[in-house]
């Protein structure tokens, strides 16, 4: 009796359920159709164009394509040669050495209060600038 009641309730629960099993293949087909529709709308077409008949390319077009392809290949090789490090390591490093003496903060001229440089302009607020006659 209890088992029959449980099966009846289970059947009723299934009838009330709004979940359906998911068909992944149907969802995939719908997504493909949606993308096709987006592409067609971007191209402002109502339907996909018909396949063009295969005809032989004119020799001028083929020659232009091949020459452009060869030109791009040569340019690519030339750019790669520029990017490649030189074979001689001496060509890679600088020939001259330039030294720039650097001073630690506080060692240079005009960096602190009382220094004769511009350091006295940076301390304090606007009152100091008025005293110096800047404003």
Protein backbone atom coordinates (compact mmCIF):
# COMPACT_ATOMS: atom_id res chain seq x y z
CA UNK A 1 0.00 0.00 0.00
CA UNK A 2 2.75 2.43 0.97
CA UNK A 3 4.72 1.54 -2.12
CA UNK A 4 1.73 2.25 -4.36
CA UNK A 5 1.20 5.57 -2.63
CA UNK A 6 4.86 6.48 -3.10
CA UNK A 7 4.74 5.58 -6.80
CA UNK A 8 1.60 7.69 -7.26
CA UNK A 9 3.25 10.68 -5.62
CA UNK A 10 6.37 10.20 -7.74
CA UNK A 11 4.27 10.19 -10.92
CA UNK A 12 2.48 13.35 -9.84
CA UNK A 13 5.80 15.04 -9.02
CA UNK A 14 7.09 14.24 -12.52
CA UNK A 15 3.98 15.71 -14.08
CA UNK A 16 4.47 18.96 -12.18
CA UNK A 17 8.16 19.21 -13.08
CA UNK A 18 8.98 21.81 -15.72
CA UNK A 19 12.51 20.53 -16.33
CA UNK A 20 13.11 18.75 -19.59
CA UNK A 21 16.12 16.71 -20.50
CA UNK A 22 18.69 18.77 -22.39
CA UNK A 23 19.45 17.75 -25.95
CA UNK A 24 23.01 18.98 -26.49
CA UNK A 25 22.97 18.29 -30.22
CA UNK A 26 19.82 20.37 -30.71
CA UNK A 27 21.33 23.21 -28.66
CA UNK A 28 24.49 23.04 -30.80
CA UNK A 29 22.46 23.20 -34.04
CA UNK A 30 20.48 26.18 -32.72
CA UNK A 31 23.68 28.00 -31.79
CA UNK A 32 25.18 27.38 -35.23
CA UNK A 33 22.04 28.72 -36.88
CA UNK A 34 22.13 31.78 -34.64
CA UNK A 35 25.74 32.51 -35.62
CA UNK A 36 24.89 32.04 -39.30
CA UNK A 37 22.02 34.48 -38.92
CA UNK A 38 24.31 37.03 -37.24
CA UNK A 39 26.87 36.73 -40.04
CA UNK A 40 24.19 37.13 -42.71
CA UNK A 41 22.74 40.17 -40.97
CA UNK A 42 26.20 41.78 -40.74
CA UNK A 43 26.62 41.19 -44.47
CA UNK A 44 23.06 42.45 -45.04
CA UNK A 45 22.05 39.25 -46.82
CA UNK A 46 18.77 37.40 -46.48
CA UNK A 47 20.21 34.01 -47.43
CA UNK A 48 23.67 32.56 -47.94
CA UNK A 49 25.04 33.28 -51.42
CA UNK A 50 25.08 30.52 -54.01
CA UNK A 51 28.37 28.74 -54.58
CA UNK A 52 30.25 30.42 -57.43
CA UNK A 53 31.23 28.14 -60.28
CA UNK A 54 34.90 27.21 -60.17
CA UNK A 55 36.59 28.92 -63.09
CA UNK A 56 40.28 29.12 -63.83
CA UNK A 57 41.96 32.26 -62.53
CA UNK A 58 43.33 34.61 -65.14
CA UNK A 59 47.09 34.47 -65.45
CA UNK A 60 47.44 38.14 -64.41
CA UNK A 61 45.65 37.49 -61.12
CA UNK A 62 47.73 34.40 -60.41
CA UNK A 63 50.98 36.26 -61.22
CA UNK A 64 49.99 39.17 -58.98
CA UNK A 65 49.16 36.78 -56.13
CA UNK A 66 52.43 34.91 -56.49
CA UNK A 67 54.52 38.08 -56.70
CA UNK A 68 52.82 39.51 -53.62
CA UNK A 69 53.41 36.27 -51.78
CA UNK A 70 57.09 36.23 -52.75
CA UNK A 71 57.47 39.87 -51.73
CA UNK A 72 55.92 39.19 -48.32
CA UNK A 73 58.19 36.17 -47.84
CA UNK A 74 61.29 38.24 -48.65
CA UNK A 75 60.15 41.02 -46.30
CA UNK A 76 59.56 38.50 -43.52
CA UNK A 77 63.03 37.01 -43.99
CA UNK A 78 64.56 40.49 -43.96
CA UNK A 79 62.78 41.39 -40.73
CA UNK A 80 63.86 38.13 -39.11
CA UNK A 81 67.45 38.85 -40.09
CA UNK A 82 67.20 42.23 -38.37
CA UNK A 83 65.88 40.65 -35.19
CA UNK A 84 68.50 37.91 -35.07
CA UNK A 85 71.43 38.70 -32.77
CA UNK A 86 74.72 39.21 -34.59
CA UNK A 87 77.11 36.30 -34.93
CA UNK A 88 80.00 38.25 -33.42
CA UNK A 89 79.34 39.13 -29.75
CA UNK A 90 81.49 42.26 -30.12
CA UNK A 91 78.92 43.64 -32.56
CA UNK A 92 76.22 43.19 -29.96
CA UNK A 93 77.79 45.21 -27.17
CA UNK A 94 78.54 48.93 -27.23
CA UNK A 95 81.88 50.08 -28.59
CA UNK A 96 82.10 53.09 -26.26
CA UNK A 97 81.37 53.30 -22.60
CA UNK A 98 79.66 56.44 -21.35
CA UNK A 99 79.69 57.11 -17.62
CA UNK A 100 77.21 59.41 -16.02
CA UNK A 101 78.23 60.35 -12.48
CA UNK A 102 75.29 60.16 -10.15
CA UNK A 103 75.08 61.68 -6.72
CA UNK A 104 73.05 60.38 -3.86
CA UNK A 105 70.24 62.63 -2.63
CA UNK A 106 71.65 65.25 -0.32
CA UNK A 107 75.13 65.23 -1.83
CA UNK A 108 74.43 67.56 -4.74
CA UNK A 109 74.18 71.29 -4.90
CA UNK A 110 70.90 72.94 -3.92
CA UNK A 111 69.09 69.98 -2.45
CA UNK A 112 68.79 70.97 1.17
CA UNK A 113 67.80 73.94 3.30
CA UNK A 114 70.45 76.62 3.39
CA UNK A 115 72.13 75.44 0.18
CA UNK A 116 72.84 78.21 -2.30
CA UNK A 117 70.98 76.34 -5.09
CA UNK A 118 67.24 76.04 -5.61
CA UNK A 119 66.67 73.93 -2.51
CA UNK A 120 65.38 76.87 -0.48
CA UNK A 121 62.50 77.35 -2.92
CA UNK A 122 61.07 73.93 -2.16
CA UNK A 123 60.81 74.14 1.61
CA UNK A 124 57.78 75.59 3.30
CA UNK A 125 54.60 76.90 1.74
CA UNK A 126 53.64 79.95 -0.26
CA UNK A 127 54.87 82.35 2.42
CA UNK A 128 58.50 81.46 1.71
CA UNK A 129 58.01 82.13 -1.98
CA UNK A 130 56.61 85.57 -1.20
CA UNK A 131 59.57 86.32 1.07
CA UNK A 132 61.96 85.45 -1.75
CA UNK A 133 60.17 87.81 -4.09
CA UNK A 134 58.95 85.12 -6.49
CA UNK A 135 55.28 86.07 -6.27
